[in-house]
PDB file of N, CA and C in Angstrom:
ATOM      1  N   UNK A   1     201.800  -9.904-237.428  1.00  0.00           N
ATOM      2  CA  UNK A   1     202.457  -9.773-236.134  1.00  0.00           C
ATOM      3  C   UNK A   1     203.450  -8.617-236.186  1.00  0.00           C
ATOM      4  N   UNK A   2     203.412  -7.767-235.184  1.00  0.00           N
ATOM      5  CA  UNK A   2     204.319  -6.621-235.125  1.00  0.00           C
ATOM      6  C   UNK A   2     205.732  -7.084-234.801  1.00  0.00           C
ATOM      7  N   UNK A   3     206.695  -6.313-235.266  1.00  0.00           N
ATOM      8  CA  UNK A   3     208.086  -6.623-234.970  1.00  0.00           C
ATOM      9  C   UNK A   3     208.383  -6.307-233.516  1.00  0.00           C
ATOM     10  N   UNK A   4     209.268  -7.082-232.920  1.00  0.00           N
ATOM     11  CA  UNK A   4     209.678  -6.858-231.540  1.00  0.00           C
ATOM     12  C   UNK A   4     211.186  -6.862-231.460  1.00  0.00           C
ATOM     13  N   UNK A   5     211.695  -6.195-230.458  1.00  0.00           N
ATOM     14  CA  UNK A   5     213.131  -6.165-230.203  1.00  0.00           C
ATOM     15  C   UNK A   5     213.345  -6.617-228.763  1.00  0.00           C
ATOM     16  N   UNK A   6     214.359  -7.451-228.567  1.00  0.00           N
ATOM     17  CA  UNK A   6     214.671  -7.954-227.242  1.00  0.00           C
ATOM     18  C   UNK A   6     216.096  -7.586-226.876  1.00  0.00           C
ATOM     19  N   UNK A   7     216.296  -7.239-225.648  1.00  0.00           N
ATOM     20  CA  UNK A   7     217.622  -6.921-225.125  1.00  0.00           C
ATOM     21  C   UNK A   7     218.115  -8.136-224.350  1.00  0.00           C
ATOM     22  N   UNK A   8     219.428  -8.376-224.373  1.00  0.00           N
ATOM     23  CA  UNK A   8     220.028  -9.500-223.657  1.00  0.00           C
ATOM     24  C   UNK A   8     221.032  -8.962-222.652  1.00  0.00           C
ATOM     25  N   UNK A   9     220.928  -9.445-221.426  1.00  0.00           N
ATOM     26  CA  UNK A   9     221.896  -9.119-220.381  1.00  0.00           C
ATOM     27  C   UNK A   9     222.503 -10.425-219.877  1.00  0.00           C
ATOM     28  N   UNK A  10     223.690 -10.316-219.342  1.00  0.00           N
ATOM     29  CA  UNK A  10     224.369 -11.495-218.815  1.00  0.00           C
ATOM     30  C   UNK A  10     224.609 -11.289-217.319  1.00  0.00           C
ATOM     31  N   UNK A  11     224.194 -12.259-216.521  1.00  0.00           N
ATOM     32  CA  UNK A  11     224.335 -12.201-215.073  1.00  0.00           C
ATOM     33  C   UNK A  11     225.004 -13.472-214.576  1.00  0.00           C
ATOM     34  N   UNK A  12     225.597 -13.397-213.402  1.00  0.00           N
ATOM     35  CA  UNK A  12     226.150 -14.585-212.758  1.00  0.00           C
ATOM     36  C   UNK A  12     225.462 -14.737-211.417  1.00  0.00           C
ATOM     37  N   UNK A  13     224.749 -15.852-211.249  1.00  0.00           N
ATOM     38  CA  UNK A  13     224.112 -16.172-209.979  1.00  0.00           C
ATOM     39  C   UNK A  13     224.985 -17.131-209.200  1.00  0.00           C
ATOM     40  N   UNK A  14     224.906 -17.060-207.886  1.00  0.00           N
ATOM     41  CA  UNK A  14     225.695 -17.958-207.041  1.00  0.00           C
ATOM     42  C   UNK A  14     224.800 -18.654-206.028  1.00  0.00           C
ATOM     43  N   UNK A  15     225.251 -19.829-205.597  1.00  0.00           N
ATOM     44  CA  UNK A  15     224.549 -20.593-204.569  1.00  0.00           C
ATOM     45  C   UNK A  15     225.547 -21.500-203.871  1.00  0.00           C
ATOM     46  N   UNK A  16     225.352 -21.690-202.592  1.00  0.00           N
ATOM     47  CA  UNK A  16     226.177 -22.640-201.842  1.00  0.00           C
ATOM     48  C   UNK A  16     225.686 -24.070-202.047  1.00  0.00           C
ATOM     49  N   UNK A  17     224.507 -24.239-202.680  1.00  0.00           N
ATOM     50  CA  UNK A  17     223.894 -25.560-202.802  1.00  0.00           C
ATOM     51  C   UNK A  17     224.033 -26.226-204.162  1.00  0.00           C
ATOM     52  N   UNK A  18     223.767 -25.481-205.263  1.00  0.00           N
ATOM     53  CA  UNK A  18     223.749 -26.131-206.582  1.00  0.00           C
ATOM     54  C   UNK A  18     223.802 -25.117-207.715  1.00  0.00           C
ATOM     55  N   UNK A  19     224.119 -25.624-208.907  1.00  0.00           N
ATOM     56  CA  UNK A  19     224.093 -24.770-210.094  1.00  0.00           C
ATOM     57  C   UNK A  19     222.667 -24.342-210.415  1.00  0.00           C
ATOM     58  N   UNK A  20     221.703 -25.231-210.194  1.00  0.00           N
ATOM     59  CA  UNK A  20     220.310 -24.892-210.470  1.00  0.00           C
ATOM     60  C   UNK A  20     219.862 -23.707-209.614  1.00  0.00           C
ATOM     61  N   UNK A  21     220.220 -23.728-208.337  1.00  0.00           N
ATOM     62  CA  UNK A  21     219.841 -22.622-207.460  1.00  0.00           C
ATOM     63  C   UNK A  21     220.600 -21.352-207.812  1.00  0.00           C
ATOM     64  N   UNK A  22     221.822 -21.499-208.305  1.00  0.00           N
ATOM     65  CA  UNK A  22     222.582 -20.327-208.744  1.00  0.00           C
ATOM     66  C   UNK A  22     221.900 -19.671-209.942  1.00  0.00           C
ATOM     67  N   UNK A  23     221.480 -20.475-210.912  1.00  0.00           N
ATOM     68  CA  UNK A  23     220.783 -19.941-212.086  1.00  0.00           C
ATOM     69  C   UNK A  23     219.458 -19.312-211.683  1.00  0.00           C
ATOM     70  N   UNK A  24     218.750 -19.961-210.790  1.00  0.00           N
ATOM     71  CA  UNK A  24     217.469 -19.426-210.318  1.00  0.00           C
ATOM     72  C   UNK A  24     217.668 -18.095-209.596  1.00  0.00           C
ATOM     73  N   UNK A  25     218.743 -17.966-208.833  1.00  0.00           N
ATOM     74  CA  UNK A  25     219.035 -16.710-208.142  1.00  0.00           C
ATOM     75  C   UNK A  25     219.225 -15.572-209.137  1.00  0.00           C
ATOM     76  N   UNK A  26     219.925 -15.843-210.241  1.00  0.00           N
ATOM     77  CA  UNK A  26     220.141 -14.815-211.264  1.00  0.00           C
ATOM     78  C   UNK A  26     218.810 -14.386-211.888  1.00  0.00           C
ATOM     79  N   UNK A  27     217.970 -15.351-212.219  1.00  0.00           N
ATOM     80  CA  UNK A  27     216.677 -15.037-212.841  1.00  0.00           C
ATOM     81  C   UNK A  27     215.779 -14.298-211.862  1.00  0.00           C
ATOM     82  N   UNK A  28     215.736 -14.753-210.615  1.00  0.00           N
ATOM     83  CA  UNK A  28     214.885 -14.096-209.622  1.00  0.00           C
ATOM     84  C   UNK A  28     215.318 -12.658-209.383  1.00  0.00           C
ATOM     85  N   UNK A  29     216.612 -12.433-209.298  1.00  0.00           N
ATOM     86  CA  UNK A  29     217.108 -11.060-209.064  1.00  0.00           C
ATOM     87  C   UNK A  29     216.804 -10.174-210.263  1.00  0.00           C
ATOM     88  N   UNK A  30     217.005 -10.692-211.468  1.00  0.00           N
ATOM     89  CA  UNK A  30     216.706  -9.912-212.673  1.00  0.00           C
ATOM     90  C   UNK A  30     215.226  -9.549-212.721  1.00  0.00           C
ATOM     91  N   UNK A  31     214.372 -10.467-212.293  1.00  0.00           N
ATOM     92  CA  UNK A  31     212.937 -10.229-212.307  1.00  0.00           C
ATOM     93  C   UNK A  31     212.495  -9.114-211.376  1.00  0.00           C
ATOM     94  N   UNK A  32     213.354  -8.717-210.435  1.00  0.00           N
ATOM     95  CA  UNK A  32     213.011  -7.626-209.531  1.00  0.00           C
ATOM     96  C   UNK A  32     213.113  -6.258-210.211  1.00  0.00           C
ATOM     97  N   UNK A  33     213.921  -6.167-211.272  1.00  0.00           N
ATOM     98  CA  UNK A  33     214.089  -4.859-211.917  1.00  0.00           C
ATOM     99  C   UNK A  33     213.806  -4.868-213.416  1.00  0.00           C
ATOM    100  N   UNK A  34     213.702  -6.036-214.023  1.00  0.00           N
ATOM    101  CA  UNK A  34     213.417  -6.128-215.456  1.00  0.00           C
ATOM    102  C   UNK A  34     212.019  -6.700-215.648  1.00  0.00           C
ATOM    103  N   UNK A  35     211.305  -6.127-216.621  1.00  0.00           N
ATOM    104  CA  UNK A  35     209.969  -6.632-216.916  1.00  0.00           C
ATOM    105  C   UNK A  35     209.998  -7.511-218.151  1.00  0.00           C
ATOM    106  N   UNK A  36     209.053  -8.411-218.211  1.00  0.00           N
ATOM    107  CA  UNK A  36     208.812  -9.221-219.408  1.00  0.00           C
ATOM    108  C   UNK A  36     210.024 -10.071-219.796  1.00  0.00           C
ATOM    109  N   UNK A  37     210.621 -10.752-218.797  1.00  0.00           N
ATOM    110  CA  UNK A  37     211.713 -11.691-219.106  1.00  0.00           C
ATOM    111  C   UNK A  37     211.179 -12.769-220.030  1.00  0.00           C
ATOM    112  N   UNK A  38     211.967 -13.158-221.025  1.00  0.00           N
ATOM    113  CA  UNK A  38     211.503 -14.108-222.032  1.00  0.00           C
ATOM    114  C   UNK A  38     212.270 -15.420-222.035  1.00  0.00           C
ATOM    115  N   UNK A  39     213.592 -15.361-222.049  1.00  0.00           N
ATOM    116  CA  UNK A  39     214.414 -16.561-222.188  1.00  0.00           C
ATOM    117  C   UNK A  39     215.615 -16.456-221.262  1.00  0.00           C
ATOM    118  N   UNK A  40     215.947 -17.558-220.617  1.00  0.00           N
ATOM    119  CA  UNK A  40     217.166 -17.644-219.822  1.00  0.00           C
ATOM    120  C   UNK A  40     218.022 -18.764-220.417  1.00  0.00           C
ATOM    121  N   UNK A  41     219.244 -18.432-220.775  1.00  0.00           N
ATOM    122  CA  UNK A  41     220.164 -19.406-221.364  1.00  0.00           C
ATOM    123  C   UNK A  41     221.379 -19.541-220.445  1.00  0.00           C
ATOM    124  N   UNK A  42     221.639 -20.757-219.983  1.00  0.00           N
ATOM    125  CA  UNK A  42     222.819 -21.016-219.169  1.00  0.00           C
ATOM    126  C   UNK A  42     224.003 -21.120-220.122  1.00  0.00           C
ATOM    127  N   UNK A  43     224.980 -20.231-219.969  1.00  0.00           N
ATOM    128  CA  UNK A  43     226.112 -20.223-220.900  1.00  0.00           C
ATOM    129  C   UNK A  43     227.391 -20.777-220.281  1.00  0.00           C
ATOM    130  N   UNK A  44     227.442 -20.845-218.942  1.00  0.00           N
ATOM    131  CA  UNK A  44     228.650 -21.372-218.314  1.00  0.00           C
ATOM    132  C   UNK A  44     228.335 -21.754-216.872  1.00  0.00           C
ATOM    133  N   UNK A  45     228.959 -22.816-216.418  1.00  0.00           N
ATOM    134  CA  UNK A  45     228.856 -23.246-215.031  1.00  0.00           C
ATOM    135  C   UNK A  45     230.263 -23.384-214.479  1.00  0.00           C
ATOM    136  N   UNK A  46     230.484 -22.851-213.266  1.00  0.00           N
ATOM    137  CA  UNK A  46     231.770 -23.058-212.616  1.00  0.00           C
ATOM    138  C   UNK A  46     231.569 -23.036-211.116  1.00  0.00           C
ATOM    139  N   UNK A  47     232.662 -23.209-210.391  1.00  0.00           N
ATOM    140  CA  UNK A  47     232.602 -23.225-208.938  1.00  0.00           C
ATOM    141  C   UNK A  47     233.683 -22.318-208.376  1.00  0.00           C
ATOM    142  N   UNK A  48     233.382 -21.677-207.273  1.00  0.00           N
ATOM    143  CA  UNK A  48     234.362 -20.896-206.532  1.00  0.00           C
ATOM    144  C   UNK A  48     234.949 -21.845-205.488  1.00  0.00           C
ATOM    145  N   UNK A  49     236.279 -22.022-205.531  1.00  0.00           N
ATOM    146  CA  UNK A  49     236.952 -22.965-204.645  1.00  0.00           C
ATOM    147  C   UNK A  49     237.867 -22.244-203.673  1.00  0.00           C
ATOM    148  N   UNK A  50     238.022 -22.835-202.494  1.00  0.00           N
ATOM    149  CA  UNK A  50     239.004 -22.352-201.534  1.00  0.00           C
ATOM    150  C   UNK A  50     239.565 -23.562-200.794  1.00  0.00           C
ATOM    151  N   UNK A  51     240.893 -23.701-200.830  1.00  0.00           N
ATOM    152  CA  UNK A  51     241.567 -24.841-200.210  1.00  0.00           C
ATOM    153  C   UNK A  51     240.995 -26.171-200.684  1.00  0.00           C
ATOM    154  N   UNK A  52     240.670 -26.234-201.976  1.00  0.00           N
ATOM    155  CA  UNK A  52     240.164 -27.467-202.569  1.00  0.00           C
ATOM    156  C   UNK A  52     238.718 -27.786-202.246  1.00  0.00           C
ATOM    157  N   UNK A  53     238.018 -26.883-201.603  1.00  0.00           N
ATOM    158  CA  UNK A  53     236.612 -27.103-201.250  1.00  0.00           C
ATOM    159  C   UNK A  53     235.718 -26.133-202.023  1.00  0.00           C
ATOM    160  N   UNK A  54     234.544 -26.603-202.360  1.00  0.00           N
ATOM    161  CA  UNK A  54     233.580 -25.766-203.084  1.00  0.00           C
ATOM    162  C   UNK A  54     232.935 -24.783-202.111  1.00  0.00           C
ATOM    163  N   UNK A  55     233.099 -23.496-202.397  1.00  0.00           N
ATOM    164  CA  UNK A  55     232.424 -22.463-201.609  1.00  0.00           C
ATOM    165  C   UNK A  55     231.104 -22.051-202.242  1.00  0.00           C
ATOM    166  N   UNK A  56     231.078 -22.026-203.575  1.00  0.00           N
ATOM    167  CA  UNK A  56     229.855 -21.591-204.255  1.00  0.00           C
ATOM    168  C   UNK A  56     229.811 -22.157-205.672  1.00  0.00           C
ATOM    169  N   UNK A  57     228.611 -22.494-206.085  1.00  0.00           N
ATOM    170  CA  UNK A  57     228.342 -22.844-207.477  1.00  0.00           C
ATOM    171  C   UNK A  57     227.946 -21.552-208.179  1.00  0.00           C
ATOM    172  N   UNK A  58     228.430 -21.386-209.409  1.00  0.00           N
ATOM    173  CA  UNK A  58     228.138 -20.164-210.156  1.00  0.00           C
ATOM    174  C   UNK A  58     227.574 -20.530-211.524  1.00  0.00           C
ATOM    175  N   UNK A  59     226.535 -19.825-211.910  1.00  0.00           N
ATOM    176  CA  UNK A  59     225.910 -20.028-213.220  1.00  0.00           C
ATOM    177  C   UNK A  59     225.867 -18.695-213.956  1.00  0.00           C
ATOM    178  N   UNK A  60     226.501 -18.654-215.127  1.00  0.00           N
ATOM    179  CA  UNK A  60     226.419 -17.467-215.980  1.00  0.00           C
ATOM    180  C   UNK A  60     225.185 -17.637-216.857  1.00  0.00           C
ATOM    181  N   UNK A  61     224.298 -16.657-216.796  1.00  0.00           N
ATOM    182  CA  UNK A  61     222.995 -16.750-217.454  1.00  0.00           C
ATOM    183  C   UNK A  61     222.799 -15.551-218.373  1.00  0.00           C
ATOM    184  N   UNK A  62     222.393 -15.808-219.613  1.00  0.00           N
ATOM    185  CA  UNK A  62     221.964 -14.742-220.519  1.00  0.00           C
ATOM    186  C   UNK A  62     220.448 -14.678-220.442  1.00  0.00           C
ATOM    187  N   UNK A  63     219.932 -13.486-220.167  1.00  0.00           N
ATOM    188  CA  UNK A  63     218.495 -13.276-220.051  1.00  0.00           C
ATOM    189  C   UNK A  63     218.037 -12.292-221.105  1.00  0.00           C
ATOM    190  N   UNK A  64     216.924 -12.613-221.740  1.00  0.00           N
ATOM    191  CA  UNK A  64     216.381 -11.661-222.708  1.00  0.00           C
ATOM    192  C   UNK A  64     215.042 -11.141-222.205  1.00  0.00           C
ATOM    193  N   UNK A  65     214.795  -9.880-222.531  1.00  0.00           N
ATOM    194  CA  UNK A  65     213.522  -9.255-222.184  1.00  0.00           C
ATOM    195  C   UNK A  65     213.143  -8.295-223.297  1.00  0.00           C
ATOM    196  N   UNK A  66     211.856  -8.032-223.395  1.00  0.00           N
ATOM    197  CA  UNK A  66     211.357  -7.177-224.461  1.00  0.00           C
ATOM    198  C   UNK A  66     211.858  -5.753-224.251  1.00  0.00           C
ATOM    199  N   UNK A  67     212.432  -5.180-225.279  1.00  0.00           N
ATOM    200  CA  UNK A  67     212.974  -3.823-225.230  1.00  0.00           C
ATOM    201  C   UNK A  67     211.869  -2.817-225.454  1.00  0.00           C
ATOM    202  N   UNK A  68     211.771  -1.872-224.521  1.00  0.00           N
ATOM    203  CA  UNK A  68     210.784  -0.789-224.649  1.00  0.00           C
ATOM    204  C   UNK A  68     211.534   0.523-224.531  1.00  0.00           C
ATOM    205  N   UNK A  69     211.390   1.392-225.502  1.00  0.00           N
ATOM    206  CA  UNK A  69     212.143   2.649-225.492  1.00  0.00           C
ATOM    207  C   UNK A  69     211.368   3.801-224.879  1.00  0.00           C
ATOM    208  N   UNK A  70     210.154   3.539-224.420  1.00  0.00           N
ATOM    209  CA  UNK A  70     209.370   4.583-223.776  1.00  0.00           C
ATOM    210  C   UNK A  70     208.621   5.484-224.747  1.00  0.00           C
ATOM    211  N   UNK A  71     208.694   5.182-226.041  1.00  0.00           N
ATOM    212  CA  UNK A  71     208.055   6.034-227.046  1.00  0.00           C
ATOM    213  C   UNK A  71     206.584   5.723-227.234  1.00  0.00           C
ATOM    214  N   UNK A  72     206.094   4.698-226.597  1.00  0.00           N
ATOM    215  CA  UNK A  72     204.707   4.421-226.857  1.00  0.00           C
ATOM    216  C   UNK A  72     204.128   3.600-225.828  1.00  0.00           C
TER     217      UNK A  72
END
């Protein structure tokens, strides 16, 4: 098996409905510009609050994708 290298980026997705939808938003958006996504790791969950009310659920997601340097 050939060696592979993967790059990791960290994104924060938001949703007014749930943490799951926030994480999905991050993955879906990343998929629009990154190819060959491999793993999504939820590293943190929090909420944006205003006057004691939840405005948005936020999910910090680490995404890995296969690194291609364009040499081949």
